Amino acid sequence: MGSKALSATFEWGPSTIRHELANLEELGLLAHPHTSAGRVPTEAGYRYFVDRLLPTEPAGPPLSLSLVRRELDEAMRVTTETLSQVTNLLAIVTAPPIETSTIRHVEVLALQPQVLMVVVITSTGGVTKRLFTFARPVDTGLADWAASYLNERLVGMGLGARMLGQRLADPSLSVTERQFLDALSPVFTELEASAQASLYVDGAAKLLTIGRVGDVSELNLLMDMLERRVAVLEVLRSALVVPHDVAVRIGAENPEPALRSLALVAASYGLPQRSLGTVSVIGPLRMDYGGAIRAVREAAAQLSSFVSDVYDTR
């Protein structure tokens, strides 16, 4: 938009507007990438806008996640999908670490004479199922005993507790019972390792929109980062220096090369005295920062309320 068109909206003349834009360019807040093109905000310009010009309470309808009576895994998915739809950005939500959950119930089900399924239900509503195949048919009485024994010994224990494995090693049991429990033990001892990848992502295709990502190589870097879940977690952890506050990282403020041309808005959620996970969106530098900040803040608040209810009833 030219200075003459702008002057029709504001009280200043075209020359005054051009002078002010030139001053902003000298301050490093605007850039003039092409001679025939207009000026665009620099990363410093976006930072200035977010820190000093953005309204404290951006206008807009409140975010509604409808998390009541949902299991934890479903609540994470709903939050991610809703956040991406509302902001039209890539949304990422990390689940609470496995060690914050306890075992609520264990089932040992005989599917076939030589095939068993062990089902572990956690205090946060998570359900883990694992099949075990044996060389010989399994005595149904042994399977029923194992279910009762495991519930008696393990219910209430944290999934990350070191004593969990010790609870399964009972010298008073018979050789047959100990061998059977040893065969089933991976469903408990490997739960923590498998749960570390609890990362929910939605809206990656939204970044393919023309003009949202600089070029294909930048998009490839981002997709590669999303596949490296440890890298994503580290990015979010470094951004959230102040717990329960919204962090905005613009362009080069992000240490991860895949985010150098993008912006990240993130917040933590959890219990009053403990952060359990993060809610975040990633998008182009030219995003609706007010809307993104509001949506992330409200999503984190509603998730915090949800997990507080879940953890209070475990």
C-alpha atoms as a PDB file:
ATOM      1  CA  MET A   1       0.000   0.000   0.000  1.00  0.00           C
ATOM      2  CA  GLY A   2       1.438   3.339  -0.979  1.00  0.00           C
ATOM      3  CA  SER A   3       1.852   6.397   1.253  1.00  0.00           C
ATOM      4  CA  LYS A   4      -0.848   8.266  -0.678  1.00  0.00           C
ATOM      5  CA  ALA A   5      -3.397   5.531   0.015  1.00  0.00           C
ATOM      6  CA  LEU A   6      -2.402   5.518   3.690  1.00  0.00           C
ATOM      7  CA  SER A   7      -2.793   9.281   3.948  1.00  0.00           C
ATOM      8  CA  ALA A   8      -6.466   8.905   3.009  1.00  0.00           C
ATOM      9  CA  THR A   9      -6.966   6.846   6.177  1.00  0.00           C
ATOM     10  CA  PHE A  10      -4.793   8.852   8.573  1.00  0.00           C
ATOM     11  CA  GLU A  11      -4.420  12.568   9.280  1.00  0.00           C
ATOM     12  CA  TRP A  12      -0.830  12.717   8.002  1.00  0.00           C
ATOM     13  CA  GLY A  13       0.249  13.559   4.476  1.00  0.00           C
ATOM     14  CA  PRO A  14       2.139  11.157   2.128  1.00  0.00           C
ATOM     15  CA  SER A  15       5.501  12.863   2.731  1.00  0.00           C
ATOM     16  CA  THR A  16       5.128  12.572   6.515  1.00  0.00           C
ATOM     17  CA  ILE A  17       4.271   8.884   6.215  1.00  0.00           C
ATOM     18  CA  ARG A  18       7.271   8.247   3.961  1.00  0.00           C
ATOM     19  CA  HIS A  19       9.510  10.081   6.428  1.00  0.00           C
ATOM     20  CA  GLU A  20       8.266   8.007   9.362  1.00  0.00           C
ATOM     21  CA  LEU A  21       8.688   4.760   7.419  1.00  0.00           C
ATOM     22  CA  ALA A  22      12.257   5.794   6.579  1.00  0.00           C
ATOM     23  CA  ASN A  23      12.931   6.449  10.281  1.00  0.00           C
ATOM     24  CA  LEU A  24      11.560   3.021  11.203  1.00  0.00           C
ATOM     25  CA  GLU A  25      13.829   1.500   8.580  1.00  0.00           C
ATOM     26  CA  GLU A  26      16.853   3.269  10.066  1.00  0.00           C
ATOM     27  CA  LEU A  27      15.899   1.882  13.490  1.00  0.00           C
ATOM     28  CA  GLY A  28      15.911  -1.627  12.031  1.00  0.00           C
ATOM     29  CA  LEU A  29      12.178  -2.159  12.543  1.00  0.00           C
ATOM     30  CA  LEU A  30      11.347  -2.162   8.835  1.00  0.00           C
ATOM     31  CA  ALA A  31      13.171  -3.536   5.801  1.00  0.00           C
ATOM     32  CA  HIS A  32      13.023  -2.598   2.143  1.00  0.00           C
ATOM     33  CA  PRO A  33      13.813  -5.938   0.449  1.00  0.00           C
ATOM     34  CA  HIS A  34      13.168  -4.767  -3.121  1.00  0.00           C
ATOM     35  CA  THR A  35      13.446  -1.337  -4.711  1.00  0.00           C
ATOM     36  CA  SER A  36      10.022  -1.550  -6.314  1.00  0.00           C
ATOM     37  CA  ALA A  37       8.367  -3.112  -3.276  1.00  0.00           C
ATOM     38  CA  GLY A  38       7.155  -1.633  -0.013  1.00  0.00           C
ATOM     39  CA  ARG A  39       8.644  -2.032   3.411  1.00  0.00           C
ATOM     40  CA  VAL A  40       8.043  -5.075   5.606  1.00  0.00           C
ATOM     41  CA  PRO A  41       8.623  -5.569   9.334  1.00  0.00           C
ATOM     42  CA  THR A  42      11.925  -7.083  10.390  1.00  0.00           C
ATOM     43  CA  GLU A  43      12.214  -9.606  13.207  1.00  0.00           C
ATOM     44  CA  ALA A  44      13.049  -6.687  15.490  1.00  0.00           C
ATOM     45  CA  GLY A  45       9.910  -4.962  14.240  1.00  0.00           C
ATOM     46  CA  TYR A  46       7.743  -7.948  15.087  1.00  0.00           C
ATOM     47  CA  ARG A  47       9.406  -8.151  18.502  1.00  0.00           C
ATOM     48  CA  TYR A  48       8.694  -4.464  19.127  1.00  0.00           C
ATOM     49  CA  PHE A  49       5.068  -5.005  18.129  1.00  0.00           C
ATOM     50  CA  VAL A  50       4.626  -8.035  20.419  1.00  0.00           C
ATOM     51  CA  ASP A  51       6.353  -6.403  23.400  1.00  0.00           C
ATOM     52  CA  ARG A  52       5.014  -2.835  23.167  1.00  0.00           C
ATOM     53  CA  LEU A  53       2.106  -2.441  20.781  1.00  0.00           C
ATOM     54  CA  LEU A  54       0.076  -5.630  21.130  1.00  0.00           C
ATOM     55  CA  PRO A  55      -3.053  -5.126  23.270  1.00  0.00           C
ATOM     56  CA  THR A  56      -2.877  -6.855  26.658  1.00  0.00           C
ATOM     57  CA  GLU A  57      -6.202  -8.580  26.062  1.00  0.00           C
ATOM     58  CA  PRO A  58      -6.635  -9.210  22.334  1.00  0.00           C
ATOM     59  CA  ALA A  59     -10.248  -9.241  21.188  1.00  0.00           C
ATOM     60  CA  GLY A  60     -11.856 -12.426  19.943  1.00  0.00           C
ATOM     61  CA  PRO A  61     -14.147 -15.286  20.971  1.00  0.00           C
ATOM     62  CA  PRO A  62     -12.889 -17.509  23.812  1.00  0.00           C
ATOM     63  CA  LEU A  63     -11.318 -20.853  22.965  1.00  0.00           C
ATOM     64  CA  SER A  64     -13.518 -23.834  23.875  1.00  0.00           C
ATOM     65  CA  LEU A  65     -11.863 -27.267  24.085  1.00  0.00           C
ATOM     66  CA  SER A  66     -14.727 -29.363  25.554  1.00  0.00           C
ATOM     67  CA  LEU A  67     -12.391 -31.609  27.562  1.00  0.00           C
ATOM     68  CA  VAL A  68     -14.901 -32.750  30.197  1.00  0.00           C
ATOM     69  CA  ARG A  69     -15.164 -36.533  30.592  1.00  0.00           C
ATOM     70  CA  ARG A  70     -12.376 -37.226  28.109  1.00  0.00           C
ATOM     71  CA  GLU A  71      -9.392 -39.498  28.628  1.00  0.00           C
ATOM     72  CA  LEU A  72      -5.966 -37.843  28.783  1.00  0.00           C
ATOM     73  CA  ASP A  73      -4.843 -39.047  25.350  1.00  0.00           C
ATOM     74  CA  GLU A  74      -8.054 -37.822  23.714  1.00  0.00           C
ATOM     75  CA  ALA A  75      -7.816 -34.485  25.536  1.00  0.00           C
ATOM     76  CA  MET A  76      -4.313 -33.959  24.107  1.00  0.00           C
ATOM     77  CA  ARG A  77      -5.557 -34.691  20.593  1.00  0.00           C
ATOM     78  CA  VAL A  78      -8.599 -32.431  20.907  1.00  0.00           C
ATOM     79  CA  THR A  79      -6.430 -29.593  22.197  1.00  0.00           C
ATOM     80  CA  THR A  80      -3.955 -29.932  19.329  1.00  0.00           C
ATOM     81  CA  GLU A  81      -6.625 -30.151  16.633  1.00  0.00           C
ATOM     82  CA  THR A  82      -8.676 -27.266  18.028  1.00  0.00           C
ATOM     83  CA  LEU A  83      -5.644 -25.027  18.482  1.00  0.00           C
ATOM     84  CA  SER A  84      -4.550 -25.611  14.889  1.00  0.00           C
ATOM     85  CA  GLN A  85      -8.048 -24.945  13.552  1.00  0.00           C
ATOM     86  CA  VAL A  86      -8.514 -21.742  15.543  1.00  0.00           C
ATOM     87  CA  THR A  87      -5.103 -20.246  14.734  1.00  0.00           C
ATOM     88  CA  ASN A  88      -4.623 -21.790  11.278  1.00  0.00           C
ATOM     89  CA  LEU A  89      -1.088 -22.659  12.397  1.00  0.00           C
ATOM     90  CA  LEU A  90       0.937 -25.759  13.218  1.00  0.00           C
ATOM     91  CA  ALA A  91       0.008 -26.837  16.769  1.00  0.00           C
ATOM     92  CA  ILE A  92       2.118 -28.988  19.099  1.00  0.00           C
ATOM     93  CA  VAL A  93       1.081 -30.309  22.527  1.00  0.00           C
ATOM     94  CA  THR A  94       3.300 -32.422  24.764  1.00  0.00           C
ATOM     95  CA  ALA A  95       1.714 -34.926  27.129  1.00  0.00           C
ATOM     96  CA  PRO A  96       2.569 -35.183  30.842  1.00  0.00           C
ATOM     97  CA  PRO A  97       5.625 -37.357  31.558  1.00  0.00           C
ATOM     98  CA  ILE A  98       4.851 -41.008  32.280  1.00  0.00           C
ATOM     99  CA  GLU A  99       6.241 -40.867  35.815  1.00  0.00           C
ATOM    100  CA  THR A 100       3.370 -38.585  36.850  1.00  0.00           C
ATOM    101  CA  SER A 101       0.862 -41.440  36.335  1.00  0.00           C
ATOM    102  CA  THR A 102       0.138 -44.460  38.509  1.00  0.00           C
ATOM    103  CA  ILE A 103      -1.242 -47.880  37.649  1.00  0.00           C
ATOM    104  CA  ARG A 104      -5.007 -48.054  38.216  1.00  0.00           C
ATOM    105  CA  HIS A 105      -5.888 -51.524  36.921  1.00  0.00           C
ATOM    106  CA  VAL A 106      -4.353 -54.517  35.130  1.00  0.00           C
ATOM    107  CA  GLU A 107      -6.114 -57.106  32.967  1.00  0.00           C
ATOM    108  CA  VAL A 108      -4.639 -60.394  31.693  1.00  0.00           C
ATOM    109  CA  LEU A 109      -6.850 -61.712  28.896  1.00  0.00           C
ATOM    110  CA  ALA A 110      -6.551 -65.070  27.101  1.00  0.00           C
ATOM    111  CA  LEU A 111      -7.252 -64.400  23.415  1.00  0.00           C
ATOM    112  CA  GLN A 112      -6.091 -67.825  22.238  1.00  0.00           C
ATOM    113  CA  PRO A 113      -4.607 -70.808  24.085  1.00  0.00           C
ATOM    114  CA  GLN A 114      -1.077 -69.497  23.420  1.00  0.00           C
ATOM    115  CA  VAL A 115      -1.808 -65.759  23.104  1.00  0.00           C
ATOM    116  CA  LEU A 116      -2.446 -63.357  25.998  1.00  0.00           C
ATOM    117  CA  MET A 117      -3.169 -59.639  26.066  1.00  0.00           C
ATOM    118  CA  VAL A 118      -2.107 -57.538  29.040  1.00  0.00           C
ATOM    119  CA  VAL A 119      -4.000 -54.258  29.476  1.00  0.00           C
ATOM    120  CA  VAL A 120      -2.659 -51.544  31.784  1.00  0.00           C
ATOM    121  CA  ILE A 121      -4.945 -48.644  32.709  1.00  0.00           C
ATOM    122  CA  THR A 122      -3.302 -45.619  34.333  1.00  0.00           C
ATOM    123  CA  SER A 123      -4.629 -43.042  36.759  1.00  0.00           C
ATOM    124  CA  THR A 124      -4.790 -40.463  33.970  1.00  0.00           C
ATOM    125  CA  GLY A 125      -6.943 -42.650  31.739  1.00  0.00           C
ATOM    126  CA  GLY A 126      -4.140 -43.954  29.530  1.00  0.00           C
ATOM    127  CA  VAL A 127      -4.571 -47.499  28.215  1.00  0.00           C
ATOM    128  CA  THR A 128      -1.632 -49.660  27.112  1.00  0.00           C
ATOM    129  CA  LYS A 129      -2.166 -53.051  25.470  1.00  0.00           C
ATOM    130  CA  ARG A 130       0.442 -55.655  24.631  1.00  0.00           C
ATOM    131  CA  LEU A 131       0.208 -59.132  23.126  1.00  0.00           C
ATOM    132  CA  PHE A 132       2.315 -62.050  24.382  1.00  0.00           C
ATOM    133  CA  THR A 133       2.709 -65.308  22.460  1.00  0.00           C
ATOM    134  CA  PHE A 134       3.886 -68.434  24.266  1.00  0.00           C
ATOM    135  CA  ALA A 135       5.317 -71.668  22.892  1.00  0.00           C
ATOM    136  CA  ARG A 136       2.687 -73.705  24.734  1.00  0.00           C
ATOM    137  CA  PRO A 137      -0.949 -73.137  25.755  1.00  0.00           C
ATOM    138  CA  VAL A 138      -1.223 -71.030  28.922  1.00  0.00           C
ATOM    139  CA  ASP A 139      -3.198 -72.320  31.877  1.00  0.00           C
ATOM    140  CA  THR A 140      -6.203 -69.998  32.300  1.00  0.00           C
ATOM    141  CA  GLY A 141      -5.891 -70.378  36.048  1.00  0.00           C
ATOM    142  CA  LEU A 142      -2.328 -69.019  35.864  1.00  0.00           C
ATOM    143  CA  ALA A 143      -3.533 -66.057  33.820  1.00  0.00           C
ATOM    144  CA  ASP A 144      -6.300 -65.288  36.324  1.00  0.00           C
ATOM    145  CA  TRP A 145      -3.810 -65.557  39.197  1.00  0.00           C
ATOM    146  CA  ALA A 146      -1.422 -63.183  37.423  1.00  0.00           C
ATOM    147  CA  ALA A 147      -4.161 -60.565  36.988  1.00  0.00           C
ATOM    148  CA  SER A 148      -5.051 -60.692  40.699  1.00  0.00           C
ATOM    149  CA  TYR A 149      -1.405 -60.676  41.771  1.00  0.00           C
ATOM    150  CA  LEU A 150      -0.441 -57.775  39.516  1.00  0.00           C
ATOM    151  CA  ASN A 151      -3.364 -55.648  40.700  1.00  0.00           C
ATOM    152  CA  GLU A 152      -2.511 -56.402  44.324  1.00  0.00           C
ATOM    153  CA  ARG A 153       1.173 -55.597  43.914  1.00  0.00           C
ATOM    154  CA  LEU A 154       1.225 -52.776  41.354  1.00  0.00           C
ATOM    155  CA  VAL A 155      -1.963 -50.679  41.629  1.00  0.00           C
ATOM    156  CA  GLY A 156      -1.079 -47.228  42.937  1.00  0.00           C
ATOM    157  CA  MET A 157       2.582 -47.415  41.931  1.00  0.00           C
ATOM    158  CA  GLY A 158       4.087 -44.773  39.658  1.00  0.00           C
ATOM    159  CA  LEU A 159       4.982 -45.997  36.184  1.00  0.00           C
ATOM    160  CA  GLY A 160       8.435 -44.496  36.501  1.00  0.00           C
ATOM    161  CA  ALA A 161       9.063 -45.928  39.979  1.00  0.00           C
ATOM    162  CA  ARG A 162      12.246 -47.994  40.334  1.00  0.00           C
ATOM    163  CA  MET A 163      10.487 -50.323  42.753  1.00  0.00           C
ATOM    164  CA  LEU A 164       8.034 -51.435  40.066  1.00  0.00           C
ATOM    165  CA  GLY A 165      10.417 -54.112  38.787  1.00  0.00           C
ATOM    166  CA  GLN A 166      11.211 -55.182  42.338  1.00  0.00           C
ATOM    167  CA  ARG A 167       7.529 -55.734  43.057  1.00  0.00           C
ATOM    168  CA  LEU A 168       7.479 -58.364  40.326  1.00  0.00           C
ATOM    169  CA  ALA A 169      10.503 -60.213  41.739  1.00  0.00           C
ATOM    170  CA  ASP A 170       8.953 -62.069  44.671  1.00  0.00           C
ATOM    171  CA  PRO A 171      11.159 -64.953  45.910  1.00  0.00           C
ATOM    172  CA  SER A 172       8.170 -66.574  47.639  1.00  0.00           C
ATOM    173  CA  LEU A 173       6.566 -67.408  44.287  1.00  0.00           C
ATOM    174  CA  SER A 174       6.970 -70.733  42.550  1.00  0.00           C
ATOM    175  CA  VAL A 175       9.302 -71.105  39.588  1.00  0.00           C
ATOM    176  CA  THR A 176       6.343 -71.293  37.204  1.00  0.00           C
ATOM    177  CA  GLU A 177       4.781 -68.130  38.621  1.00  0.00           C
ATOM    178  CA  ARG A 178       8.053 -66.193  38.523  1.00  0.00           C
ATOM    179  CA  GLN A 179       8.757 -67.223  34.925  1.00  0.00           C
ATOM    180  CA  PHE A 180       5.250 -66.243  33.875  1.00  0.00           C
ATOM    181  CA  LEU A 181       5.555 -62.801  35.483  1.00  0.00           C
ATOM    182  CA  ASP A 182       8.988 -62.342  33.933  1.00  0.00           C
ATOM    183  CA  ALA A 183       7.434 -62.963  30.524  1.00  0.00           C
ATOM    184  CA  LEU A 184       4.760 -60.310  31.159  1.00  0.00           C
ATOM    185  CA  SER A 185       7.035 -57.764  32.851  1.00  0.00           C
ATOM    186  CA  PRO A 186       7.996 -55.787  29.693  1.00  0.00           C
ATOM    187  CA  VAL A 187       4.504 -54.277  29.536  1.00  0.00           C
ATOM    188  CA  PHE A 188       5.344 -52.535  32.828  1.00  0.00           C
ATOM    189  CA  THR A 189       9.096 -52.021  32.688  1.00  0.00           C
ATOM    190  CA  GLU A 190       9.030 -50.624  29.131  1.00  0.00           C
ATOM    191  CA  LEU A 191       6.067 -48.292  29.628  1.00  0.00           C
ATOM    192  CA  GLU A 192       8.238 -45.313  30.514  1.00  0.00           C
ATOM    193  CA  ALA A 193      10.438 -45.637  27.427  1.00  0.00           C
ATOM    194  CA  SER A 194       7.475 -45.952  25.067  1.00  0.00           C
ATOM    195  CA  ALA A 195       5.611 -43.014  26.609  1.00  0.00           C
ATOM    196  CA  GLN A 196       8.453 -40.534  26.116  1.00  0.00           C
ATOM    197  CA  ALA A 197       7.250 -39.987  22.537  1.00  0.00           C
ATOM    198  CA  SER A 198       3.871 -38.563  23.630  1.00  0.00           C
ATOM    199  CA  LEU A 199       3.881 -35.560  21.321  1.00  0.00           C
ATOM    200  CA  TYR A 200       0.774 -34.408  19.471  1.00  0.00           C
ATOM    201  CA  VAL A 201       1.115 -32.460  16.216  1.00  0.00           C
ATOM    202  CA  ASP A 202      -1.599 -31.078  13.952  1.00  0.00           C
ATOM    203  CA  GLY A 203      -1.740 -28.570  11.095  1.00  0.00           C
ATOM    204  CA  ALA A 204       1.599 -29.159   9.352  1.00  0.00           C
ATOM    205  CA  ALA A 205      -0.162 -28.843   5.999  1.00  0.00           C
ATOM    206  CA  LYS A 206      -1.199 -25.282   6.903  1.00  0.00           C
ATOM    207  CA  LEU A 207       2.422 -24.184   6.510  1.00  0.00           C
ATOM    208  CA  LEU A 208       2.339 -25.280   2.864  1.00  0.00           C
ATOM    209  CA  THR A 209       0.102 -22.332   2.058  1.00  0.00           C
ATOM    210  CA  ILE A 210       1.773 -19.951  -0.395  1.00  0.00           C
ATOM    211  CA  GLY A 211       3.862 -17.361   1.373  1.00  0.00           C
ATOM    212  CA  ARG A 212       3.826 -18.999   4.812  1.00  0.00           C
ATOM    213  CA  VAL A 213       7.190 -20.757   4.520  1.00  0.00           C
ATOM    214  CA  GLY A 214      10.064 -19.188   2.603  1.00  0.00           C
ATOM    215  CA  ASP A 215      11.081 -22.166   0.468  1.00  0.00           C
ATOM    216  CA  VAL A 216      10.964 -25.952   0.286  1.00  0.00           C
ATOM    217  CA  SER A 217      14.304 -26.366   2.077  1.00  0.00           C
ATOM    218  CA  GLU A 218      12.973 -24.502   5.107  1.00  0.00           C
ATOM    219  CA  LEU A 219       9.896 -26.722   5.147  1.00  0.00           C
ATOM    220  CA  ASN A 220      12.073 -29.838   4.941  1.00  0.00           C
ATOM    221  CA  LEU A 221      14.081 -28.638   7.941  1.00  0.00           C
ATOM    222  CA  LEU A 222      10.875 -28.140   9.911  1.00  0.00           C
ATOM    223  CA  MET A 223       9.523 -31.594   9.006  1.00  0.00           C
ATOM    224  CA  ASP A 224      12.841 -33.144   9.996  1.00  0.00           C
ATOM    225  CA  MET A 225      12.727 -31.363  13.354  1.00  0.00           C
ATOM    226  CA  LEU A 226       9.188 -32.608  14.011  1.00  0.00           C
ATOM    227  CA  GLU A 227      10.375 -36.162  13.430  1.00  0.00           C
ATOM    228  CA  ARG A 228      13.118 -35.649  16.017  1.00  0.00           C
ATOM    229  CA  ARG A 229      10.841 -35.423  19.035  1.00  0.00           C
ATOM    230  CA  VAL A 230      13.759 -34.784  21.383  1.00  0.00           C
ATOM    231  CA  ALA A 231      14.612 -31.658  19.377  1.00  0.00           C
ATOM    232  CA  VAL A 232      11.017 -30.405  19.630  1.00  0.00           C
ATOM    233  CA  LEU A 233      10.946 -30.943  23.381  1.00  0.00           C
ATOM    234  CA  GLU A 234      14.255 -29.107  23.766  1.00  0.00           C
ATOM    235  CA  VAL A 235      12.958 -26.154  21.730  1.00  0.00           C
ATOM    236  CA  LEU A 236       9.864 -25.865  23.917  1.00  0.00           C
ATOM    237  CA  ARG A 237      11.846 -26.323  27.123  1.00  0.00           C
ATOM    238  CA  SER A 238      14.293 -23.557  26.228  1.00  0.00           C
ATOM    239  CA  ALA A 239      11.480 -21.193  25.228  1.00  0.00           C
ATOM    240  CA  LEU A 240       9.573 -21.559  28.488  1.00  0.00           C
ATOM    241  CA  VAL A 241      12.008 -19.917  30.863  1.00  0.00           C
ATOM    242  CA  VAL A 242       9.138 -18.605  33.011  1.00  0.00           C
ATOM    243  CA  PRO A 243       6.600 -21.355  33.874  1.00  0.00           C
ATOM    244  CA  HIS A 244       2.891 -20.684  33.242  1.00  0.00           C
ATOM    245  CA  ASP A 245       3.686 -17.681  31.042  1.00  0.00           C
ATOM    246  CA  VAL A 246       3.339 -17.326  27.273  1.00  0.00           C
ATOM    247  CA  ALA A 247       6.659 -17.221  25.417  1.00  0.00           C
ATOM    248  CA  VAL A 248       7.076 -15.760  21.931  1.00  0.00           C
ATOM    249  CA  ARG A 249      10.218 -16.572  19.951  1.00  0.00           C
ATOM    250  CA  ILE A 250      10.598 -14.791  16.611  1.00  0.00           C
ATOM    251  CA  GLY A 251      12.928 -15.885  13.806  1.00  0.00           C
ATOM    252  CA  ALA A 252      16.569 -15.989  14.886  1.00  0.00           C
ATOM    253  CA  GLU A 253      15.519 -15.991  18.551  1.00  0.00           C
ATOM    254  CA  ASN A 254      14.865 -19.710  18.012  1.00  0.00           C
ATOM    255  CA  PRO A 255      18.076 -21.760  18.430  1.00  0.00           C
ATOM    256  CA  GLU A 256      16.781 -24.547  16.171  1.00  0.00           C
ATOM    257  CA  PRO A 257      17.733 -23.836  12.509  1.00  0.00           C
ATOM    258  CA  ALA A 258      14.363 -25.154  11.325  1.00  0.00           C
ATOM    259  CA  LEU A 259      12.621 -22.285  13.125  1.00  0.00           C
ATOM    260  CA  ARG A 260      14.910 -19.407  12.096  1.00  0.00           C
ATOM    261  CA  SER A 261      12.364 -18.114   9.568  1.00  0.00           C
ATOM    262  CA  LEU A 262       9.300 -18.860  11.706  1.00  0.00           C
ATOM    263  CA  ALA A 263       7.730 -17.761  14.983  1.00  0.00           C
ATOM    264  CA  LEU A 264       6.883 -19.880  18.029  1.00  0.00           C
ATOM    265  CA  VAL A 265       4.237 -19.133  20.660  1.00  0.00           C
ATOM    266  CA  ALA A 266       4.248 -21.501  23.649  1.00  0.00           C
ATOM    267  CA  ALA A 267       2.958 -21.883  27.196  1.00  0.00           C
ATOM    268  CA  SER A 268       3.173 -24.572  29.847  1.00  0.00           C
ATOM    269  CA  TYR A 269       0.252 -26.282  31.552  1.00  0.00           C
ATOM    270  CA  GLY A 270      -0.006 -28.456  34.621  1.00  0.00           C
ATOM    271  CA  LEU A 271      -0.568 -28.363  38.360  1.00  0.00           C
ATOM    272  CA  PRO A 272      -0.144 -25.208  40.485  1.00  0.00           C
ATOM    273  CA  GLN A 273       3.334 -26.237  41.624  1.00  0.00           C
ATOM    274  CA  ARG A 274       4.419 -28.355  38.668  1.00  0.00           C
ATOM    275  CA  SER A 275       4.528 -27.978  34.907  1.00  0.00           C
ATOM    276  CA  LEU A 276       3.409 -31.167  33.138  1.00  0.00           C
ATOM    277  CA  GLY A 277       3.608 -30.229  29.460  1.00  0.00           C
ATOM    278  CA  THR A 278       3.483 -27.517  26.831  1.00  0.00           C
ATOM    279  CA  VAL A 279       1.022 -26.035  24.345  1.00  0.00           C
ATOM    280  CA  SER A 280       2.438 -24.254  21.313  1.00  0.00           C
ATOM    281  CA  VAL A 281       1.883 -23.034  17.765  1.00  0.00           C
ATOM    282  CA  ILE A 282       4.400 -22.436  14.994  1.00  0.00           C
ATOM    283  CA  GLY A 283       3.791 -20.177  12.029  1.00  0.00           C
ATOM    284  CA  PRO A 284       5.213 -17.514   9.735  1.00  0.00           C
ATOM    285  CA  LEU A 285       6.726 -14.292  11.077  1.00  0.00           C
ATOM    286  CA  ARG A 286       3.706 -12.496   9.690  1.00  0.00           C
ATOM    287  CA  MET A 287       1.137 -14.198  11.909  1.00  0.00           C
ATOM    288  CA  ASP A 288      -1.708 -12.954  14.068  1.00  0.00           C
ATOM    289  CA  TYR A 289       0.348 -12.740  17.254  1.00  0.00           C
ATOM    290  CA  GLY A 290      -2.554 -11.512  19.344  1.00  0.00           C
ATOM    291  CA  GLY A 291      -4.790 -14.380  18.305  1.00  0.00           C
ATOM    292  CA  ALA A 292      -2.013 -16.964  18.695  1.00  0.00           C
ATOM    293  CA  ILE A 293      -1.054 -15.741  22.179  1.00  0.00           C
ATOM    294  CA  ARG A 294      -4.663 -15.696  23.318  1.00  0.00           C
ATOM    295  CA  ALA A 295      -5.394 -19.184  21.944  1.00  0.00           C
ATOM    296  CA  VAL A 296      -2.242 -20.726  23.455  1.00  0.00           C
ATOM    297  CA  ARG A 297      -2.867 -19.079  26.832  1.00  0.00           C
ATOM    298  CA  GLU A 298      -6.487 -20.261  26.962  1.00  0.00           C
ATOM    299  CA  ALA A 299      -5.598 -23.779  25.793  1.00  0.00           C
ATOM    300  CA  ALA A 300      -2.922 -24.048  28.505  1.00  0.00           C
ATOM    301  CA  ALA A 301      -5.362 -22.804  31.153  1.00  0.00           C
ATOM    302  CA  GLN A 302      -8.069 -25.288  30.135  1.00  0.00           C
ATOM    303  CA  LEU A 303      -5.599 -28.167  29.979  1.00  0.00           C
ATOM    304  CA  SER A 304      -4.315 -27.212  33.442  1.00  0.00           C
ATOM    305  CA  SER A 305      -7.867 -27.355  34.775  1.00  0.00           C
ATOM    306  CA  PHE A 306      -8.411 -30.706  33.077  1.00  0.00           C
ATOM    307  CA  VAL A 307      -5.270 -32.384  34.411  1.00  0.00           C
ATOM    308  CA  SER A 308      -5.892 -30.977  37.905  1.00  0.00           C
ATOM    309  CA  ASP A 309      -9.227 -32.779  37.959  1.00  0.00           C
ATOM    310  CA  VAL A 310      -7.691 -35.973  36.585  1.00  0.00           C
ATOM    311  CA  TYR A 311      -4.796 -36.024  39.049  1.00  0.00           C
ATOM    312  CA  ASP A 312      -7.031 -35.167  41.999  1.00  0.00           C
ATOM    313  CA  THR A 313      -9.172 -38.235  41.347  1.00  0.00           C
ATOM    314  CA  ARG A 314      -6.430 -40.767  40.774  1.00  0.00           C
END
